[in-house]
Amino acid sequence: MLERLNQEIKRRTHMVRILPGAESCPRPVRALATTTHEIWLAAVRYLAMEHPREHKKEALRALAA
């Protein structure tokens, strides 16, 4: 996923070609990172971490008893 994000940043900054100044470069990168972050938050999780956490808690309870 991170490689895909880096490719997209490269593609978008290359598309702009000439940026007005060094301080204008982070704007499109930040916008892309924010959008990607929001998409990742709303995306379907393939590995649900709730089940392993509950399993670990149950194993610790069994050891304590």
Protein backbone atom coordinates (compact mmCIF):
# COMPACT_ATOMS: atom_id res chain seq x y z
CA MET A 1 0.00 0.00 0.00
CA LEU A 2 2.83 2.36 0.82
CA GLU A 3 4.50 1.73 -2.52
CA ARG A 4 1.24 2.55 -4.28
CA LEU A 5 1.02 5.81 -2.33
CA ASN A 6 4.60 6.70 -3.31
CA GLN A 7 3.85 5.97 -6.97
CA GLU A 8 0.76 8.16 -6.85
CA ILE A 9 2.72 11.02 -5.24
CA LYS A 10 5.38 10.74 -7.94
CA ARG A 11 2.76 10.68 -10.68
CA ARG A 12 0.91 13.71 -9.35
CA THR A 13 4.00 15.82 -8.72
CA HIS A 14 5.35 14.92 -12.16
CA MET A 15 2.03 15.92 -13.70
CA VAL A 16 2.32 19.44 -12.23
CA ARG A 17 5.81 19.70 -13.79
CA ILE A 18 6.76 23.19 -12.68
CA LEU A 19 5.80 24.21 -9.17
CA PRO A 20 5.85 27.92 -8.31
CA GLY A 21 8.16 27.38 -5.35
CA ALA A 22 9.50 24.88 -2.85
CA GLU A 23 6.72 25.67 -0.37
CA SER A 24 4.00 24.74 -2.89
CA CYS A 25 5.20 21.15 -3.31
CA PRO A 26 3.83 19.78 -0.01
CA ARG A 27 0.27 20.94 -0.80
CA PRO A 28 -0.62 18.30 -3.40
CA VAL A 29 1.29 15.64 -1.46
CA ARG A 30 -0.58 16.50 1.75
CA ALA A 31 -3.91 16.49 -0.08
CA LEU A 32 -3.20 13.06 -1.56
CA ALA A 33 -2.03 11.68 1.80
CA THR A 34 -5.16 12.99 3.53
CA THR A 35 -7.44 11.49 0.89
CA THR A 36 -5.61 8.16 1.02
CA HIS A 37 -5.80 8.11 4.82
CA GLU A 38 -9.56 8.70 4.75
CA ILE A 39 -9.99 5.92 2.19
CA TRP A 40 -7.91 3.52 4.31
CA LEU A 41 -9.99 4.33 7.40
CA ALA A 42 -13.23 3.54 5.59
CA ALA A 43 -11.88 0.50 3.73
CA VAL A 44 -12.77 -3.08 4.49
CA ARG A 45 -10.32 -4.67 6.87
CA TYR A 46 -9.06 -8.02 5.68
CA LEU A 47 -7.52 -8.86 9.04
CA ALA A 48 -9.80 -8.05 11.95
CA MET A 49 -7.63 -7.65 15.03
CA GLU A 50 -10.48 -7.93 17.55
CA HIS A 51 -10.54 -11.73 17.40
CA PRO A 52 -6.80 -12.25 18.17
CA ARG A 53 -7.02 -9.78 21.06
CA GLU A 54 -9.99 -11.60 22.58
CA HIS A 55 -8.23 -14.93 22.08
CA LYS A 56 -5.15 -13.61 23.90
CA LYS A 57 -7.28 -12.31 26.78
CA GLU A 58 -9.00 -15.68 27.13
CA ALA A 59 -5.64 -17.48 27.11
CA LEU A 60 -4.32 -15.19 29.85
CA ARG A 61 -7.47 -15.75 31.93
CA ALA A 62 -7.06 -19.51 31.55
CA LEU A 63 -3.45 -19.31 32.72
CA ALA A 64 -4.40 -17.18 35.72
CA ALA A 65 -7.14 -19.63 36.78
